[in-house]
Amino acid sequence: MNTDNRQGFDPESVGRRRVVVLISGNGSNLQALIDAQSYDELGGEIVAVISNQVDAHGLKRAKDAGIDAVALPHREYESRDAFDGALIKVIERHEPDLVVLAGFMRILSPRFVARFAGRLLNIHPSLLPAYTGLNTHARVLADGALEHGASVHFVTDELDGGPVAIQAALKVEPGDDEETLKRKIHAREHLIYPIAVRWFLEGRLKLDEEGHATLDGTKLPPQGLRLSHEDALEELDEDE
């Protein structure tokens, strides 16, 4: 992985860490980050929320929290690269230390990924590397998988293929359907995303020169730090 574009970025050298969040819809993961910030548990400040959809409910969540909310409709640009160029400019005006994808339903260009390499996080509703892409809940059920979950990972050129920071696992029960899995996975996403963001902003979570995710200077395994089904239940105060 090419990390040259990080331009010597080091979270530990920054004062008040700044976060820009990209969304396309409801923004429930954004709300989890806003809530963590309100309890001073994020390790920094969300300075802007940007959406490619003007009617995204997440923009209202941002405004209600006093955060700069920006609509940048992708359909107004003639190409993906043109949109990503405009998006880069809007993001950089806010001078972020970290860019967080929270339900941002756009495949990012290599140019964009390179610009924010090493400081770009995404959350995905599966235990990566399993079930990259869309419709993960339906595919898990169709395969009869016994385990599902959520992953926070660094973004690279490979779709949903960047190094994983943290996961939360979920046992698939016989009565589960897409809606129950969606609800349970959302709860796990809302649990682990603020954790990963805080780790990064505190300088604990990084990419090393070889492109491996590290926590407190130690290389993480391919699945990152994984919360088991039981661990997640305890943290979320859920019943079996």
C-alpha atoms as a PDB file:
ATOM      1  CA  MET A   1       0.000   0.000   0.000  1.00  0.00           C
ATOM      2  CA  ASN A   2       1.258   3.476  -0.868  1.00  0.00           C
ATOM      3  CA  THR A   3       1.269   5.672   2.236  1.00  0.00           C
ATOM      4  CA  ASP A   4       3.173   8.606   0.720  1.00  0.00           C
ATOM      5  CA  ASN A   5       0.043  10.750   0.556  1.00  0.00           C
ATOM      6  CA  ARG A   6      -0.287  10.804   4.326  1.00  0.00           C
ATOM      7  CA  GLN A   7       2.326  13.578   4.210  1.00  0.00           C
ATOM      8  CA  GLY A   8       3.863  12.648   7.551  1.00  0.00           C
ATOM      9  CA  PHE A   9       0.478  12.526   9.291  1.00  0.00           C
ATOM     10  CA  ASP A  10       0.735  11.469  12.915  1.00  0.00           C
ATOM     11  CA  PRO A  11      -2.434  11.594  15.077  1.00  0.00           C
ATOM     12  CA  GLU A  12      -0.328  12.015  18.220  1.00  0.00           C
ATOM     13  CA  SER A  13       1.057  15.329  16.944  1.00  0.00           C
ATOM     14  CA  VAL A  14      -2.366  16.886  16.445  1.00  0.00           C
ATOM     15  CA  GLY A  15      -4.120  18.997  19.081  1.00  0.00           C
ATOM     16  CA  ARG A  16      -7.892  18.712  18.879  1.00  0.00           C
ATOM     17  CA  ARG A  17      -8.493  15.910  16.381  1.00  0.00           C
ATOM     18  CA  ARG A  18     -10.904  16.684  13.574  1.00  0.00           C
ATOM     19  CA  VAL A  19     -13.254  14.207  11.886  1.00  0.00           C
ATOM     20  CA  VAL A  20     -15.253  14.468   8.672  1.00  0.00           C
ATOM     21  CA  VAL A  21     -18.047  11.911   8.195  1.00  0.00           C
ATOM     22  CA  LEU A  22     -19.415  10.897   4.775  1.00  0.00           C
ATOM     23  CA  ILE A  23     -22.967   9.549   4.546  1.00  0.00           C
ATOM     24  CA  SER A  24     -25.670   8.772   2.004  1.00  0.00           C
ATOM     25  CA  GLY A  25     -28.744   8.031   4.081  1.00  0.00           C
ATOM     26  CA  ASN A  26     -30.190   7.691   7.553  1.00  0.00           C
ATOM     27  CA  GLY A  27     -26.929   8.150   9.403  1.00  0.00           C
ATOM     28  CA  SER A  28     -27.431   5.775  12.327  1.00  0.00           C
ATOM     29  CA  ASN A  29     -23.690   5.146  12.600  1.00  0.00           C
ATOM     30  CA  LEU A  30     -23.167   8.896  12.408  1.00  0.00           C
ATOM     31  CA  GLN A  31     -25.538   9.235  15.359  1.00  0.00           C
ATOM     32  CA  ALA A  32     -23.493   6.692  17.317  1.00  0.00           C
ATOM     33  CA  LEU A  33     -20.410   8.835  16.706  1.00  0.00           C
ATOM     34  CA  ILE A  34     -22.270  12.023  17.658  1.00  0.00           C
ATOM     35  CA  ASP A  35     -23.473  10.364  20.862  1.00  0.00           C
ATOM     36  CA  ALA A  36     -19.936   9.264  21.708  1.00  0.00           C
ATOM     37  CA  GLN A  37     -18.712  12.806  21.109  1.00  0.00           C
ATOM     38  CA  SER A  38     -21.417  14.226  23.373  1.00  0.00           C
ATOM     39  CA  TYR A  39     -20.106  12.027  26.204  1.00  0.00           C
ATOM     40  CA  ASP A  40     -16.506  13.013  25.393  1.00  0.00           C
ATOM     41  CA  GLU A  41     -15.790   9.424  24.355  1.00  0.00           C
ATOM     42  CA  LEU A  42     -14.785  10.002  20.725  1.00  0.00           C
ATOM     43  CA  GLY A  43     -11.338  11.475  21.220  1.00  0.00           C
ATOM     44  CA  GLY A  44     -12.000  14.363  18.862  1.00  0.00           C
ATOM     45  CA  GLU A  45     -14.612  16.493  17.154  1.00  0.00           C
ATOM     46  CA  ILE A  46     -16.846  15.853  14.146  1.00  0.00           C
ATOM     47  CA  VAL A  47     -16.378  19.077  12.197  1.00  0.00           C
ATOM     48  CA  ALA A  48     -18.456  18.250   9.108  1.00  0.00           C
ATOM     49  CA  VAL A  49     -20.892  15.732   7.682  1.00  0.00           C
ATOM     50  CA  ILE A  50     -21.046  15.465   3.893  1.00  0.00           C
ATOM     51  CA  SER A  51     -23.688  13.585   1.907  1.00  0.00           C
ATOM     52  CA  ASN A  52     -24.018  12.812  -1.786  1.00  0.00           C
ATOM     53  CA  GLN A  53     -27.808  12.769  -1.248  1.00  0.00           C
ATOM     54  CA  VAL A  54     -29.490  16.098  -0.491  1.00  0.00           C
ATOM     55  CA  ASP A  55     -32.368  14.445   1.382  1.00  0.00           C
ATOM     56  CA  ALA A  56     -30.218  12.211   3.599  1.00  0.00           C
ATOM     57  CA  HIS A  57     -31.632  12.149   7.128  1.00  0.00           C
ATOM     58  CA  GLY A  58     -28.097  12.113   8.451  1.00  0.00           C
ATOM     59  CA  LEU A  59     -27.724  15.754   7.405  1.00  0.00           C
ATOM     60  CA  LYS A  60     -30.511  16.638   9.836  1.00  0.00           C
ATOM     61  CA  ARG A  61     -28.760  14.658  12.560  1.00  0.00           C
ATOM     62  CA  ALA A  62     -25.643  16.738  11.928  1.00  0.00           C
ATOM     63  CA  LYS A  63     -27.509  20.052  11.974  1.00  0.00           C
ATOM     64  CA  ASP A  64     -29.313  19.094  15.179  1.00  0.00           C
ATOM     65  CA  ALA A  65     -25.914  18.458  16.769  1.00  0.00           C
ATOM     66  CA  GLY A  66     -24.528  21.789  15.587  1.00  0.00           C
ATOM     67  CA  ILE A  67     -22.231  20.173  13.017  1.00  0.00           C
ATOM     68  CA  ASP A  68     -21.611  21.649   9.575  1.00  0.00           C
ATOM     69  CA  ALA A  69     -23.821  19.669   7.150  1.00  0.00           C
ATOM     70  CA  VAL A  70     -22.966  19.717   3.447  1.00  0.00           C
ATOM     71  CA  ALA A  71     -24.937  18.240   0.545  1.00  0.00           C
ATOM     72  CA  LEU A  72     -22.839  17.445  -2.529  1.00  0.00           C
ATOM     73  CA  PRO A  73     -25.091  15.648  -5.045  1.00  0.00           C
ATOM     74  CA  HIS A  74     -23.029  13.249  -7.148  1.00  0.00           C
ATOM     75  CA  ARG A  75     -25.506  13.403 -10.020  1.00  0.00           C
ATOM     76  CA  GLU A  76     -24.446  16.973 -10.717  1.00  0.00           C
ATOM     77  CA  TYR A  77     -21.009  15.743 -11.820  1.00  0.00           C
ATOM     78  CA  GLU A  78     -20.267  14.168 -15.171  1.00  0.00           C
ATOM     79  CA  SER A  79     -17.971  11.455 -13.837  1.00  0.00           C
ATOM     80  CA  ARG A  80     -16.948   9.651 -10.677  1.00  0.00           C
ATOM     81  CA  ASP A  81     -13.544  11.305 -10.823  1.00  0.00           C
ATOM     82  CA  ALA A  82     -15.074  14.779 -11.147  1.00  0.00           C
ATOM     83  CA  PHE A  83     -17.293  14.159  -8.127  1.00  0.00           C
ATOM     84  CA  ASP A  84     -14.431  12.764  -6.084  1.00  0.00           C
ATOM     85  CA  GLY A  85     -12.318  15.793  -6.971  1.00  0.00           C
ATOM     86  CA  ALA A  86     -15.042  18.116  -5.701  1.00  0.00           C
ATOM     87  CA  LEU A  87     -15.511  15.959  -2.608  1.00  0.00           C
ATOM     88  CA  ILE A  88     -11.791  16.108  -1.834  1.00  0.00           C
ATOM     89  CA  LYS A  89     -11.907  19.911  -1.956  1.00  0.00           C
ATOM     90  CA  VAL A  90     -14.884  20.098   0.410  1.00  0.00           C
ATOM     91  CA  ILE A  91     -13.287  17.658   2.832  1.00  0.00           C
ATOM     92  CA  GLU A  92      -9.942  19.440   2.837  1.00  0.00           C
ATOM     93  CA  ARG A  93     -11.565  22.767   3.682  1.00  0.00           C
ATOM     94  CA  HIS A  94     -12.346  21.198   7.055  1.00  0.00           C
ATOM     95  CA  GLU A  95      -8.739  20.001   7.581  1.00  0.00           C
ATOM     96  CA  PRO A  96      -9.651  16.558   8.956  1.00  0.00           C
ATOM     97  CA  ASP A  97      -7.302  14.183  10.703  1.00  0.00           C
ATOM     98  CA  LEU A  98      -9.691  11.328   9.920  1.00  0.00           C
ATOM     99  CA  VAL A  99     -12.354  10.711   7.278  1.00  0.00           C
ATOM    100  CA  VAL A 100     -15.087   8.272   8.303  1.00  0.00           C
ATOM    101  CA  LEU A 101     -17.445   6.510   5.892  1.00  0.00           C
ATOM    102  CA  ALA A 102     -20.768   5.862   7.620  1.00  0.00           C
ATOM    103  CA  GLY A 103     -23.139   4.419   5.058  1.00  0.00           C
ATOM    104  CA  PHE A 104     -21.553   6.321   2.167  1.00  0.00           C
ATOM    105  CA  MET A 105     -22.904   4.412  -0.829  1.00  0.00           C
ATOM    106  CA  ARG A 106     -20.267   5.353  -3.362  1.00  0.00           C
ATOM    107  CA  ILE A 107     -17.326   3.350  -4.652  1.00  0.00           C
ATOM    108  CA  LEU A 108     -14.411   5.711  -4.202  1.00  0.00           C
ATOM    109  CA  SER A 109     -11.863   6.351  -6.930  1.00  0.00           C
ATOM    110  CA  PRO A 110      -8.197   5.397  -6.460  1.00  0.00           C
ATOM    111  CA  ARG A 111      -7.431   9.123  -6.469  1.00  0.00           C
ATOM    112  CA  PHE A 112      -9.671   9.691  -3.444  1.00  0.00           C
ATOM    113  CA  VAL A 113      -8.389   6.659  -1.557  1.00  0.00           C
ATOM    114  CA  ALA A 114      -4.772   7.676  -2.173  1.00  0.00           C
ATOM    115  CA  ARG A 115      -5.414  11.225  -0.974  1.00  0.00           C
ATOM    116  CA  PHE A 116      -6.642  10.051   2.435  1.00  0.00           C
ATOM    117  CA  ALA A 117      -4.626   6.834   2.699  1.00  0.00           C
ATOM    118  CA  GLY A 118      -4.068   5.754   6.266  1.00  0.00           C
ATOM    119  CA  ARG A 119      -6.767   8.040   7.656  1.00  0.00           C
ATOM    120  CA  LEU A 120      -9.899   6.680   5.986  1.00  0.00           C
ATOM    121  CA  LEU A 121     -12.160   4.248   7.876  1.00  0.00           C
ATOM    122  CA  ASN A 122     -15.260   2.332   6.810  1.00  0.00           C
ATOM    123  CA  ILE A 123     -17.724   0.033   8.536  1.00  0.00           C
ATOM    124  CA  HIS A 124     -19.127  -3.048   6.835  1.00  0.00           C
ATOM    125  CA  PRO A 125     -21.953  -5.396   7.893  1.00  0.00           C
ATOM    126  CA  SER A 126     -20.060  -8.689   7.836  1.00  0.00           C
ATOM    127  CA  LEU A 127     -17.075 -10.416   9.370  1.00  0.00           C
ATOM    128  CA  LEU A 128     -14.606  -9.471   6.663  1.00  0.00           C
ATOM    129  CA  PRO A 129     -13.163 -10.910   4.494  1.00  0.00           C
ATOM    130  CA  ALA A 130     -16.453 -12.827   4.250  1.00  0.00           C
ATOM    131  CA  TYR A 131     -19.362 -11.207   2.402  1.00  0.00           C
ATOM    132  CA  THR A 132     -17.865  -8.121   0.848  1.00  0.00           C
ATOM    133  CA  GLY A 133     -20.249  -5.913  -1.105  1.00  0.00           C
ATOM    134  CA  LEU A 134     -24.000  -5.541  -0.721  1.00  0.00           C
ATOM    135  CA  ASN A 135     -26.894  -7.614   0.676  1.00  0.00           C
ATOM    136  CA  THR A 136     -24.794  -9.285   3.335  1.00  0.00           C
ATOM    137  CA  HIS A 137     -27.699 -10.329   5.570  1.00  0.00           C
ATOM    138  CA  ALA A 138     -29.549 -12.098   2.745  1.00  0.00           C
ATOM    139  CA  ARG A 139     -26.375 -13.852   1.630  1.00  0.00           C
ATOM    140  CA  VAL A 140     -25.564 -15.013   5.155  1.00  0.00           C
ATOM    141  CA  LEU A 141     -29.049 -16.502   5.477  1.00  0.00           C
ATOM    142  CA  ALA A 142     -28.922 -18.080   2.015  1.00  0.00           C
ATOM    143  CA  ASP A 143     -25.635 -19.785   2.865  1.00  0.00           C
ATOM    144  CA  GLY A 144     -26.894 -21.053   6.198  1.00  0.00           C
ATOM    145  CA  ALA A 145     -23.959 -19.372   7.920  1.00  0.00           C
ATOM    146  CA  LEU A 146     -23.832 -19.773  11.679  1.00  0.00           C
ATOM    147  CA  GLU A 147     -21.988 -16.523  12.345  1.00  0.00           C
ATOM    148  CA  HIS A 148     -22.338 -12.941  11.120  1.00  0.00           C
ATOM    149  CA  GLY A 149     -21.033  -9.613  12.350  1.00  0.00           C
ATOM    150  CA  ALA A 150     -19.652  -6.161  11.619  1.00  0.00           C
ATOM    151  CA  SER A 151     -16.158  -4.897  10.789  1.00  0.00           C
ATOM    152  CA  VAL A 152     -14.361  -1.556  10.894  1.00  0.00           C
ATOM    153  CA  HIS A 153     -11.507  -1.399   8.406  1.00  0.00           C
ATOM    154  CA  PHE A 154      -9.108   0.978   6.730  1.00  0.00           C
ATOM    155  CA  VAL A 155     -10.127   1.819   3.168  1.00  0.00           C
ATOM    156  CA  THR A 156      -7.883   0.759   0.292  1.00  0.00           C
ATOM    157  CA  ASP A 157      -8.422   0.381  -3.447  1.00  0.00           C
ATOM    158  CA  GLU A 158      -9.841  -3.111  -2.860  1.00  0.00           C
ATOM    159  CA  LEU A 159     -13.583  -2.962  -2.130  1.00  0.00           C
ATOM    160  CA  ASP A 160     -14.122  -3.841   1.549  1.00  0.00           C
ATOM    161  CA  GLY A 161     -10.600  -5.274   1.476  1.00  0.00           C
ATOM    162  CA  GLY A 162      -8.566  -2.935   3.669  1.00  0.00           C
ATOM    163  CA  PRO A 163      -6.944  -4.008   6.947  1.00  0.00           C
ATOM    164  CA  VAL A 164      -9.507  -4.704   9.685  1.00  0.00           C
ATOM    165  CA  ALA A 165      -9.285  -2.846  12.998  1.00  0.00           C
ATOM    166  CA  ILE A 166     -12.137  -4.357  15.015  1.00  0.00           C
ATOM    167  CA  GLN A 167     -15.051  -6.754  14.566  1.00  0.00           C
ATOM    168  CA  ALA A 168     -18.099  -7.770  16.579  1.00  0.00           C
ATOM    169  CA  ALA A 169     -19.478 -11.254  16.011  1.00  0.00           C
ATOM    170  CA  LEU A 170     -23.072 -12.473  16.106  1.00  0.00           C
ATOM    171  CA  LYS A 171     -24.483 -15.987  16.241  1.00  0.00           C
ATOM    172  CA  VAL A 172     -27.167 -16.493  13.604  1.00  0.00           C
ATOM    173  CA  GLU A 173     -30.217 -17.966  15.324  1.00  0.00           C
ATOM    174  CA  PRO A 174     -32.728 -20.325  13.624  1.00  0.00           C
ATOM    175  CA  GLY A 175     -35.475 -17.675  13.720  1.00  0.00           C
ATOM    176  CA  ASP A 176     -33.388 -14.841  12.286  1.00  0.00           C
ATOM    177  CA  ASP A 177     -34.419 -13.096   9.088  1.00  0.00           C
ATOM    178  CA  GLU A 178     -32.976 -10.115   7.244  1.00  0.00           C
ATOM    179  CA  GLU A 179     -34.700  -7.618   9.533  1.00  0.00           C
ATOM    180  CA  THR A 180     -33.551  -9.203  12.788  1.00  0.00           C
ATOM    181  CA  LEU A 181     -30.007  -9.507  11.463  1.00  0.00           C
ATOM    182  CA  LYS A 182     -30.070  -5.890  10.314  1.00  0.00           C
ATOM    183  CA  ARG A 183     -31.154  -4.740  13.777  1.00  0.00           C
ATOM    184  CA  LYS A 184     -28.561  -6.839  15.598  1.00  0.00           C
ATOM    185  CA  ILE A 185     -25.750  -5.876  13.228  1.00  0.00           C
ATOM    186  CA  HIS A 186     -26.618  -2.185  13.521  1.00  0.00           C
ATOM    187  CA  ALA A 187     -26.270  -2.462  17.295  1.00  0.00           C
ATOM    188  CA  ARG A 188     -22.815  -3.975  16.873  1.00  0.00           C
ATOM    189  CA  GLU A 189     -21.801  -1.326  14.367  1.00  0.00           C
ATOM    190  CA  HIS A 190     -22.854   1.394  16.789  1.00  0.00           C
ATOM    191  CA  LEU A 191     -20.742  -0.303  19.460  1.00  0.00           C
ATOM    192  CA  ILE A 192     -17.475  -0.756  17.570  1.00  0.00           C
ATOM    193  CA  TYR A 193     -17.308   2.286  15.274  1.00  0.00           C
ATOM    194  CA  PRO A 194     -16.817   4.850  18.071  1.00  0.00           C
ATOM    195  CA  ILE A 195     -14.187   2.547  19.581  1.00  0.00           C
ATOM    196  CA  ALA A 196     -12.186   2.390  16.345  1.00  0.00           C
ATOM    197  CA  VAL A 197     -12.468   6.140  15.764  1.00  0.00           C
ATOM    198  CA  ARG A 198     -11.274   6.870  19.289  1.00  0.00           C
ATOM    199  CA  TRP A 199      -8.337   4.482  18.898  1.00  0.00           C
ATOM    200  CA  PHE A 200      -7.294   6.300  15.740  1.00  0.00           C
ATOM    201  CA  LEU A 201      -7.690   9.788  17.140  1.00  0.00           C
ATOM    202  CA  GLU A 202      -5.700   8.816  20.225  1.00  0.00           C
ATOM    203  CA  GLY A 203      -2.867   7.625  17.981  1.00  0.00           C
ATOM    204  CA  ARG A 204      -3.313   3.987  19.001  1.00  0.00           C
ATOM    205  CA  LEU A 205      -4.700   2.647  15.706  1.00  0.00           C
ATOM    206  CA  LYS A 206      -2.477   3.127  12.658  1.00  0.00           C
ATOM    207  CA  LEU A 207      -1.306   1.617   9.400  1.00  0.00           C
ATOM    208  CA  ASP A 208       2.350   0.665   9.408  1.00  0.00           C
ATOM    209  CA  GLU A 209       4.680   1.173   6.458  1.00  0.00           C
ATOM    210  CA  GLU A 210       3.718  -2.237   5.055  1.00  0.00           C
ATOM    211  CA  GLY A 211       0.022  -1.408   5.168  1.00  0.00           C
ATOM    212  CA  HIS A 212      -0.846  -3.528   8.214  1.00  0.00           C
ATOM    213  CA  ALA A 213      -3.254  -2.285  10.869  1.00  0.00           C
ATOM    214  CA  THR A 214      -1.558  -1.879  14.236  1.00  0.00           C
ATOM    215  CA  LEU A 215      -2.931  -1.177  17.703  1.00  0.00           C
ATOM    216  CA  ASP A 216      -0.580   0.237  20.316  1.00  0.00           C
ATOM    217  CA  GLY A 217       2.325  -0.650  18.025  1.00  0.00           C
ATOM    218  CA  THR A 218       1.346  -4.318  17.671  1.00  0.00           C
ATOM    219  CA  LYS A 219       0.254  -5.743  14.331  1.00  0.00           C
ATOM    220  CA  LEU A 220      -3.385  -6.806  14.428  1.00  0.00           C
ATOM    221  CA  PRO A 221      -4.487 -10.212  13.091  1.00  0.00           C
ATOM    222  CA  PRO A 222      -6.477 -10.322   9.825  1.00  0.00           C
ATOM    223  CA  GLN A 223      -9.779 -10.065  11.724  1.00  0.00           C
ATOM    224  CA  GLY A 224      -8.520  -7.166  13.851  1.00  0.00           C
ATOM    225  CA  LEU A 225      -9.589  -7.185  17.472  1.00  0.00           C
ATOM    226  CA  ARG A 226     -12.719  -9.341  17.482  1.00  0.00           C
ATOM    227  CA  LEU A 227     -15.458  -9.127  20.074  1.00  0.00           C
ATOM    228  CA  SER A 228     -17.092 -12.525  20.417  1.00  0.00           C
ATOM    229  CA  HIS A 229     -20.849 -13.003  20.346  1.00  0.00           C
ATOM    230  CA  GLU A 230     -20.804 -13.227  24.140  1.00  0.00           C
ATOM    231  CA  ASP A 231     -18.623 -10.128  24.537  1.00  0.00           C
ATOM    232  CA  ALA A 232     -20.944  -8.115  22.310  1.00  0.00           C
ATOM    233  CA  LEU A 233     -24.018  -9.325  24.202  1.00  0.00           C
ATOM    234  CA  GLU A 234     -22.468  -8.162  27.452  1.00  0.00           C
ATOM    235  CA  GLU A 235     -21.468  -4.759  26.074  1.00  0.00           C
ATOM    236  CA  LEU A 236     -24.885  -4.213  24.508  1.00  0.00           C
ATOM    237  CA  ASP A 237     -26.823  -5.659  27.466  1.00  0.00           C
ATOM    238  CA  GLU A 238     -28.741  -7.900  25.063  1.00  0.00           C
ATOM    239  CA  ASP A 239     -30.471 -11.174  25.815  1.00  0.00           C
ATOM    240  CA  GLU A 240     -29.437 -14.387  24.081  1.00  0.00           C
END
